[in-house]
């Protein structure tokens, strides 16, 4: 899976997917901007793909119900409830991948916002792999490095 990056490091189609997610949640640009901790003008810029949002913004909107996998890669995740033991295995693998990613950064650390955003994104990718919607050989670290690099 590859994601084409356009101007300002924004994945192609990001703005339209952001708008779709905002409308799915039945929020105005002003309401959505407030959730993301930005002004309405910033929300407009994100939806028009004129500027890139911050990790903090992505984390906040992810916590509000935005599907980050869909937003960043155009793959809609609608996770079905998994048995607890499978979900625990997925979450354990998520933490392992986050640790592996952190080791590739210059400091070996990351902010809490970055950690939460990566947790949600990686967990959703692993759920998609588990459900057969993505190939088992999906290179998750390459996906997240492409988004944060």
N, C-alpha and C. Protein backbone atom coordinates (compact mmCIF):
# COMPACT_ATOMS: atom_id res chain seq x y z
N UNK A 1 0.86 -1.17 0.00
CA UNK A 1 0.00 0.00 0.00
C UNK A 1 0.91 1.23 0.00
N UNK A 2 0.66 2.16 -0.89
CA UNK A 2 1.39 3.41 -0.91
C UNK A 2 0.40 4.56 -0.86
N UNK A 3 0.86 5.63 -0.24
CA UNK A 3 0.05 6.83 -0.16
C UNK A 3 0.79 7.92 -0.89
N UNK A 4 0.17 8.50 -1.90
CA UNK A 4 0.81 9.58 -2.63
C UNK A 4 0.73 10.85 -1.81
N UNK A 5 1.89 11.48 -1.61
CA UNK A 5 1.97 12.72 -0.84
C UNK A 5 1.99 13.89 -1.82
N UNK A 6 1.14 14.88 -1.54
CA UNK A 6 1.12 16.07 -2.40
C UNK A 6 1.72 17.24 -1.62
N UNK A 7 1.43 18.45 -2.03
CA UNK A 7 2.01 19.66 -1.44
C UNK A 7 1.94 19.64 0.08
N UNK A 8 2.93 20.21 0.72
CA UNK A 8 3.01 20.35 2.17
C UNK A 8 2.99 19.01 2.90
N UNK A 9 3.35 17.91 2.25
CA UNK A 9 3.36 16.62 2.91
C UNK A 9 1.98 16.05 3.18
N UNK A 10 0.96 16.54 2.52
CA UNK A 10 -0.42 16.11 2.76
C UNK A 10 -0.75 14.95 1.84
N UNK A 11 -1.28 13.83 2.38
CA UNK A 11 -1.69 12.73 1.50
C UNK A 11 -2.78 13.18 0.53
N UNK A 12 -2.69 12.70 -0.70
CA UNK A 12 -3.67 13.06 -1.72
C UNK A 12 -5.08 12.73 -1.26
N UNK A 13 -5.98 13.71 -1.38
CA UNK A 13 -7.37 13.52 -0.99
C UNK A 13 -7.66 13.75 0.48
N UNK A 14 -6.64 14.13 1.24
CA UNK A 14 -6.80 14.33 2.68
C UNK A 14 -7.91 15.32 3.00
N UNK A 15 -7.93 16.46 2.31
CA UNK A 15 -8.91 17.51 2.59
C UNK A 15 -10.34 17.05 2.40
N UNK A 16 -10.57 16.34 1.31
CA UNK A 16 -11.94 15.87 1.06
C UNK A 16 -12.34 14.79 2.07
N UNK A 17 -11.39 13.93 2.46
CA UNK A 17 -11.70 12.91 3.48
C UNK A 17 -11.92 13.56 4.84
N UNK A 18 -11.18 14.61 5.14
CA UNK A 18 -11.38 15.33 6.40
C UNK A 18 -12.78 15.93 6.44
N UNK A 19 -13.19 16.52 5.34
CA UNK A 19 -14.53 17.10 5.25
C UNK A 19 -15.60 16.01 5.39
N UNK A 20 -15.39 14.86 4.75
CA UNK A 20 -16.34 13.75 4.87
C UNK A 20 -16.47 13.28 6.32
N UNK A 21 -15.34 13.17 7.01
CA UNK A 21 -15.37 12.74 8.41
C UNK A 21 -16.08 13.78 9.28
N UNK A 22 -15.83 15.06 9.01
CA UNK A 22 -16.49 16.12 9.78
C UNK A 22 -18.00 16.04 9.58
N UNK A 23 -18.40 15.85 8.32
CA UNK A 23 -19.84 15.77 8.03
C UNK A 23 -20.45 14.48 8.60
N UNK A 24 -19.70 13.39 8.57
CA UNK A 24 -20.19 12.13 9.16
C UNK A 24 -20.49 12.32 10.64
N UNK A 25 -19.66 13.12 11.31
CA UNK A 25 -19.86 13.40 12.73
C UNK A 25 -20.86 14.52 12.96
N UNK A 26 -21.41 15.08 11.86
CA UNK A 26 -22.42 16.13 11.90
C UNK A 26 -21.94 17.37 12.66
N UNK A 27 -20.74 17.83 12.28
CA UNK A 27 -20.15 19.00 12.92
C UNK A 27 -19.87 20.08 11.88
N UNK A 28 -20.03 21.32 12.30
CA UNK A 28 -19.67 22.45 11.45
C UNK A 28 -18.14 22.59 11.46
N UNK A 29 -17.62 23.39 10.55
CA UNK A 29 -16.18 23.65 10.54
C UNK A 29 -15.75 24.27 11.86
N UNK A 30 -16.56 25.17 12.39
CA UNK A 30 -16.21 25.83 13.66
C UNK A 30 -16.20 24.83 14.81
N UNK A 31 -17.19 23.96 14.87
CA UNK A 31 -17.25 22.95 15.94
C UNK A 31 -16.06 21.98 15.83
N UNK A 32 -15.78 21.57 14.61
CA UNK A 32 -14.69 20.62 14.38
C UNK A 32 -13.34 21.25 14.72
N UNK A 33 -13.18 22.52 14.34
CA UNK A 33 -11.94 23.24 14.65
C UNK A 33 -11.75 23.31 16.17
N UNK A 34 -12.82 23.59 16.89
CA UNK A 34 -12.74 23.66 18.35
C UNK A 34 -12.28 22.33 18.93
N UNK A 35 -12.82 21.23 18.43
CA UNK A 35 -12.42 19.90 18.90
C UNK A 35 -10.93 19.68 18.62
N UNK A 36 -10.47 20.14 17.46
CA UNK A 36 -9.07 19.97 17.07
C UNK A 36 -8.13 21.00 17.67
N UNK A 37 -8.67 21.93 18.43
CA UNK A 37 -7.82 22.93 19.09
C UNK A 37 -7.26 23.99 18.15
N UNK A 38 -7.99 24.24 17.05
CA UNK A 38 -7.55 25.25 16.08
C UNK A 38 -8.68 26.23 15.79
N UNK A 39 -8.38 27.27 15.06
CA UNK A 39 -9.38 28.22 14.62
C UNK A 39 -10.06 27.71 13.35
N UNK A 40 -11.23 28.25 13.07
CA UNK A 40 -11.99 27.83 11.88
C UNK A 40 -11.18 28.03 10.61
N UNK A 41 -10.39 29.09 10.53
CA UNK A 41 -9.60 29.34 9.33
C UNK A 41 -8.59 28.21 9.12
N UNK A 42 -8.04 27.66 10.17
CA UNK A 42 -7.11 26.53 10.04
C UNK A 42 -7.86 25.31 9.52
N UNK A 43 -9.07 25.09 10.02
CA UNK A 43 -9.89 23.97 9.54
C UNK A 43 -10.14 24.09 8.04
N UNK A 44 -10.45 25.29 7.60
CA UNK A 44 -10.68 25.53 6.17
C UNK A 44 -9.40 25.22 5.38
N UNK A 45 -8.26 25.66 5.91
CA UNK A 45 -6.98 25.42 5.24
C UNK A 45 -6.69 23.92 5.13
N UNK A 46 -6.98 23.16 6.19
CA UNK A 46 -6.78 21.70 6.16
C UNK A 46 -7.69 21.06 5.12
N UNK A 47 -8.96 21.46 5.10
CA UNK A 47 -9.91 20.87 4.16
C UNK A 47 -9.57 21.24 2.72
N UNK A 48 -8.93 22.38 2.51
CA UNK A 48 -8.52 22.79 1.17
C UNK A 48 -7.12 22.30 0.82
N UNK A 49 -6.49 21.58 1.75
CA UNK A 49 -5.14 21.04 1.59
C UNK A 49 -4.11 22.13 1.35
N UNK A 50 -4.32 23.29 1.96
CA UNK A 50 -3.34 24.37 1.85
C UNK A 50 -2.26 24.27 2.90
N UNK A 51 -2.58 23.69 4.06
CA UNK A 51 -1.60 23.47 5.12
C UNK A 51 -1.82 22.11 5.74
N UNK A 52 -0.78 21.63 6.41
CA UNK A 52 -0.83 20.32 7.08
C UNK A 52 -1.21 20.50 8.55
N UNK A 53 -2.06 19.62 9.05
CA UNK A 53 -2.40 19.68 10.48
C UNK A 53 -1.26 19.12 11.32
N UNK A 54 -1.30 19.43 12.61
CA UNK A 54 -0.30 18.93 13.54
C UNK A 54 -0.71 17.56 14.06
N UNK A 55 0.23 16.87 14.66
CA UNK A 55 -0.05 15.59 15.32
C UNK A 55 -1.07 15.82 16.43
N UNK A 56 -0.96 16.92 17.15
CA UNK A 56 -1.90 17.21 18.24
C UNK A 56 -3.32 17.29 17.68
N UNK A 57 -3.50 17.98 16.57
CA UNK A 57 -4.82 18.10 15.93
C UNK A 57 -5.34 16.72 15.55
N UNK A 58 -4.50 15.91 14.90
CA UNK A 58 -4.93 14.57 14.49
C UNK A 58 -5.32 13.72 15.68
N UNK A 59 -4.55 13.83 16.76
CA UNK A 59 -4.88 13.08 17.98
C UNK A 59 -6.23 13.52 18.54
N UNK A 60 -6.46 14.81 18.60
CA UNK A 60 -7.72 15.32 19.17
C UNK A 60 -8.93 14.91 18.33
N UNK A 61 -8.81 15.02 17.01
CA UNK A 61 -9.97 14.63 16.20
C UNK A 61 -10.14 13.12 16.17
N UNK A 62 -9.03 12.39 16.29
CA UNK A 62 -9.11 10.94 16.38
C UNK A 62 -9.86 10.52 17.64
N UNK A 63 -9.57 11.20 18.74
CA UNK A 63 -10.26 10.92 20.00
C UNK A 63 -11.75 11.27 19.91
N UNK A 64 -12.09 12.17 18.99
CA UNK A 64 -13.49 12.59 18.83
C UNK A 64 -14.25 11.66 17.87
N UNK A 65 -13.57 10.67 17.31
CA UNK A 65 -14.27 9.71 16.46
C UNK A 65 -13.87 9.69 15.00
N UNK A 66 -12.91 10.51 14.59
CA UNK A 66 -12.46 10.49 13.21
C UNK A 66 -11.65 9.22 12.97
N UNK A 67 -11.92 8.55 11.86
CA UNK A 67 -11.20 7.35 11.47
C UNK A 67 -9.88 7.80 10.83
N UNK A 68 -8.78 7.72 11.59
CA UNK A 68 -7.50 8.21 11.10
C UNK A 68 -6.96 7.40 9.93
N UNK A 69 -7.24 6.12 9.90
CA UNK A 69 -6.80 5.28 8.78
C UNK A 69 -7.47 5.77 7.49
N UNK A 70 -8.75 6.06 7.56
CA UNK A 70 -9.45 6.59 6.39
C UNK A 70 -8.90 7.97 6.04
N UNK A 71 -8.73 8.81 7.04
CA UNK A 71 -8.27 10.18 6.81
C UNK A 71 -6.90 10.20 6.12
N UNK A 72 -5.98 9.41 6.62
CA UNK A 72 -4.62 9.45 6.10
C UNK A 72 -4.39 8.59 4.86
N UNK A 73 -5.12 7.47 4.76
CA UNK A 73 -4.84 6.52 3.68
C UNK A 73 -6.03 6.20 2.79
N UNK A 74 -7.21 6.70 3.14
CA UNK A 74 -8.38 6.42 2.33
C UNK A 74 -8.95 5.03 2.52
N UNK A 75 -8.53 4.34 3.58
CA UNK A 75 -9.04 3.01 3.88
C UNK A 75 -9.97 3.14 5.07
N UNK A 76 -11.24 2.88 4.82
CA UNK A 76 -12.24 3.02 5.88
C UNK A 76 -12.20 1.83 6.80
N UNK A 77 -12.07 2.09 8.07
CA UNK A 77 -12.07 1.01 9.05
C UNK A 77 -13.38 1.05 9.82
N UNK A 78 -13.98 -0.09 9.89
CA UNK A 78 -15.19 -0.24 10.68
C UNK A 78 -15.00 -1.50 11.50
N UNK A 79 -14.15 -1.39 12.53
CA UNK A 79 -13.77 -2.60 13.24
C UNK A 79 -14.97 -3.29 13.88
N UNK A 80 -15.06 -4.58 13.59
CA UNK A 80 -16.07 -5.40 14.24
C UNK A 80 -15.52 -5.76 15.62
N UNK A 81 -16.39 -5.96 16.58
CA UNK A 81 -15.89 -6.37 17.90
C UNK A 81 -15.10 -7.68 17.78
N UNK A 82 -13.91 -7.66 18.35
CA UNK A 82 -13.06 -8.84 18.33
C UNK A 82 -13.06 -9.49 19.70
N UNK A 83 -12.82 -10.79 19.75
CA UNK A 83 -12.67 -11.42 21.06
C UNK A 83 -11.54 -10.75 21.83
N UNK A 84 -11.69 -10.71 23.13
CA UNK A 84 -10.73 -10.00 23.98
C UNK A 84 -9.30 -10.47 23.76
N UNK A 85 -9.10 -11.76 23.61
CA UNK A 85 -7.74 -12.28 23.46
C UNK A 85 -7.11 -11.80 22.15
N UNK A 86 -7.89 -11.71 21.06
CA UNK A 86 -7.36 -11.19 19.79
C UNK A 86 -7.08 -9.70 19.91
N UNK A 87 -7.96 -8.97 20.59
CA UNK A 87 -7.74 -7.53 20.75
C UNK A 87 -6.50 -7.27 21.61
N UNK A 88 -6.29 -8.08 22.64
CA UNK A 88 -5.08 -7.92 23.46
C UNK A 88 -3.83 -8.18 22.63
N UNK A 89 -3.86 -9.20 21.78
CA UNK A 89 -2.72 -9.49 20.91
C UNK A 89 -2.46 -8.32 19.95
N UNK A 90 -3.52 -7.76 19.40
CA UNK A 90 -3.39 -6.60 18.50
C UNK A 90 -2.80 -5.41 19.25
N UNK A 91 -3.29 -5.15 20.44
CA UNK A 91 -2.77 -4.01 21.22
C UNK A 91 -1.33 -4.23 21.65
N UNK A 92 -0.96 -5.47 22.00
CA UNK A 92 0.44 -5.76 22.34
C UNK A 92 1.34 -5.51 21.13
N UNK A 93 0.91 -5.97 19.95
CA UNK A 93 1.67 -5.74 18.72
C UNK A 93 1.75 -4.24 18.41
N UNK A 94 0.67 -3.51 18.70
CA UNK A 94 0.67 -2.06 18.50
C UNK A 94 1.76 -1.40 19.32
N UNK A 95 1.85 -1.77 20.60
CA UNK A 95 2.90 -1.20 21.47
C UNK A 95 4.30 -1.56 20.96
N UNK A 96 4.47 -2.78 20.48
CA UNK A 96 5.77 -3.20 19.93
C UNK A 96 6.15 -2.33 18.73
N UNK A 97 5.18 -2.10 17.84
CA UNK A 97 5.45 -1.30 16.65
C UNK A 97 5.73 0.16 17.01
N UNK A 98 5.03 0.67 18.01
CA UNK A 98 5.30 2.05 18.45
C UNK A 98 6.71 2.15 19.01
N UNK A 99 7.12 1.16 19.80
CA UNK A 99 8.48 1.14 20.33
C UNK A 99 9.51 1.08 19.20
N UNK A 100 9.24 0.23 18.20
CA UNK A 100 10.14 0.12 17.05
C UNK A 100 10.22 1.44 16.30
N UNK A 101 9.08 2.11 16.15
CA UNK A 101 9.08 3.41 15.48
C UNK A 101 9.87 4.43 16.30
N UNK A 102 9.65 4.46 17.61
CA UNK A 102 10.34 5.43 18.48
C UNK A 102 11.85 5.26 18.37
N UNK A 103 12.33 4.03 18.22
CA UNK A 103 13.76 3.79 18.10
C UNK A 103 14.35 4.40 16.83
N UNK A 104 13.51 4.66 15.84
CA UNK A 104 14.00 5.24 14.59
C UNK A 104 14.06 6.77 14.64
N UNK A 105 13.50 7.36 15.71
CA UNK A 105 13.54 8.82 15.83
C UNK A 105 14.88 9.23 16.42
N UNK A 106 15.25 10.47 16.25
CA UNK A 106 16.55 10.95 16.71
C UNK A 106 16.71 10.86 18.22
N UNK A 107 15.62 11.04 18.96
CA UNK A 107 15.70 11.00 20.43
C UNK A 107 15.25 9.67 21.02
N UNK A 108 14.59 8.85 20.20
CA UNK A 108 14.05 7.59 20.71
C UNK A 108 12.79 7.80 21.53
N UNK A 109 12.26 9.01 21.47
CA UNK A 109 11.06 9.35 22.25
C UNK A 109 10.06 10.03 21.34
N UNK A 110 8.83 10.20 21.87
CA UNK A 110 7.80 10.94 21.14
C UNK A 110 6.85 11.58 22.13
N UNK A 111 6.13 12.56 21.67
CA UNK A 111 5.16 13.24 22.53
C UNK A 111 3.98 12.33 22.83
N UNK A 112 3.25 12.66 23.86
CA UNK A 112 2.05 11.90 24.20
C UNK A 112 1.03 11.96 23.07
N UNK A 113 0.88 13.13 22.43
CA UNK A 113 -0.05 13.26 21.31
C UNK A 113 0.36 12.35 20.15
N UNK A 114 1.65 12.31 19.86
CA UNK A 114 2.15 11.45 18.79
C UNK A 114 1.90 9.98 19.15
N UNK A 115 2.16 9.61 20.39
CA UNK A 115 1.95 8.24 20.84
C UNK A 115 0.49 7.83 20.68
N UNK A 116 -0.43 8.68 21.13
CA UNK A 116 -1.86 8.36 21.04
C UNK A 116 -2.32 8.25 19.58
N UNK A 117 -1.85 9.16 18.74
CA UNK A 117 -2.23 9.13 17.33
C UNK A 117 -1.72 7.85 16.69
N UNK A 118 -0.45 7.50 16.96
CA UNK A 118 0.11 6.27 16.39
C UNK A 118 -0.60 5.03 16.93
N UNK A 119 -0.95 5.04 18.20
CA UNK A 119 -1.66 3.90 18.78
C UNK A 119 -2.97 3.66 18.03
N UNK A 120 -3.75 4.71 17.85
CA UNK A 120 -5.03 4.57 17.14
C UNK A 120 -4.83 4.12 15.70
N UNK A 121 -3.86 4.70 15.02
CA UNK A 121 -3.61 4.38 13.62
C UNK A 121 -3.13 2.94 13.47
N UNK A 122 -2.12 2.55 14.24
CA UNK A 122 -1.55 1.21 14.12
C UNK A 122 -2.56 0.15 14.54
N UNK A 123 -3.28 0.40 15.63
CA UNK A 123 -4.29 -0.57 16.07
C UNK A 123 -5.33 -0.79 14.98
N UNK A 124 -5.77 0.28 14.32
CA UNK A 124 -6.75 0.13 13.24
C UNK A 124 -6.18 -0.64 12.06
N UNK A 125 -4.92 -0.40 11.72
CA UNK A 125 -4.29 -1.15 10.63
C UNK A 125 -4.24 -2.64 11.00
N UNK A 126 -3.83 -2.94 12.23
CA UNK A 126 -3.74 -4.34 12.65
C UNK A 126 -5.11 -5.02 12.68
N UNK A 127 -6.14 -4.28 13.04
CA UNK A 127 -7.50 -4.84 13.01
C UNK A 127 -7.88 -5.16 11.56
N UNK A 128 -7.51 -4.29 10.63
CA UNK A 128 -7.80 -4.53 9.22
C UNK A 128 -7.03 -5.75 8.71
N UNK A 129 -5.78 -5.90 9.14
CA UNK A 129 -5.00 -7.07 8.76
C UNK A 129 -5.65 -8.32 9.34
N UNK A 130 -6.02 -8.26 10.62
CA UNK A 130 -6.65 -9.40 11.30
C UNK A 130 -7.95 -9.82 10.61
N UNK A 131 -8.69 -8.86 10.12
CA UNK A 131 -9.98 -9.16 9.48
C UNK A 131 -9.84 -9.55 8.01
N UNK A 132 -8.61 -9.50 7.49
CA UNK A 132 -8.38 -9.87 6.10
C UNK A 132 -8.60 -8.75 5.10
N UNK A 133 -8.86 -7.54 5.59
CA UNK A 133 -9.09 -6.41 4.68
C UNK A 133 -7.79 -5.82 4.15
N UNK A 134 -6.68 -6.09 4.85
CA UNK A 134 -5.34 -5.69 4.39
C UNK A 134 -4.47 -6.94 4.38
N UNK A 135 -3.48 -7.00 3.49
CA UNK A 135 -2.62 -8.18 3.43
C UNK A 135 -1.79 -8.35 4.71
N UNK A 136 -1.53 -9.61 5.06
CA UNK A 136 -0.75 -9.92 6.26
C UNK A 136 0.64 -9.28 6.18
N UNK A 137 1.20 -9.18 4.99
CA UNK A 137 2.55 -8.64 4.83
C UNK A 137 2.59 -7.11 4.80
N UNK A 138 1.50 -6.44 5.16
CA UNK A 138 1.47 -4.98 5.19
C UNK A 138 2.61 -4.46 6.07
N UNK A 139 3.43 -3.58 5.52
CA UNK A 139 4.57 -3.01 6.26
C UNK A 139 4.10 -1.77 7.00
N UNK A 140 3.68 -1.97 8.23
CA UNK A 140 3.07 -0.91 9.02
C UNK A 140 4.07 0.20 9.33
N UNK A 141 5.32 -0.17 9.66
CA UNK A 141 6.31 0.87 9.96
C UNK A 141 6.55 1.78 8.77
N UNK A 142 6.55 1.22 7.56
CA UNK A 142 6.72 2.07 6.36
C UNK A 142 5.53 3.01 6.19
N UNK A 143 4.35 2.52 6.49
CA UNK A 143 3.15 3.36 6.40
C UNK A 143 3.27 4.54 7.35
N UNK A 144 3.60 4.27 8.61
CA UNK A 144 3.63 5.38 9.57
C UNK A 144 4.82 6.29 9.37
N UNK A 145 5.94 5.76 8.88
CA UNK A 145 7.09 6.61 8.58
C UNK A 145 6.75 7.56 7.43
N UNK A 146 5.96 7.06 6.48
CA UNK A 146 5.54 7.90 5.35
C UNK A 146 4.65 9.05 5.80
N UNK A 147 3.88 8.86 6.89
CA UNK A 147 2.98 9.91 7.38
C UNK A 147 3.68 10.88 8.30
N UNK A 148 4.68 10.42 9.04
CA UNK A 148 5.27 11.31 10.05
C UNK A 148 6.62 11.83 9.64
N UNK A 149 7.16 11.31 8.54
CA UNK A 149 8.50 11.67 8.14
C UNK A 149 8.59 12.88 7.32
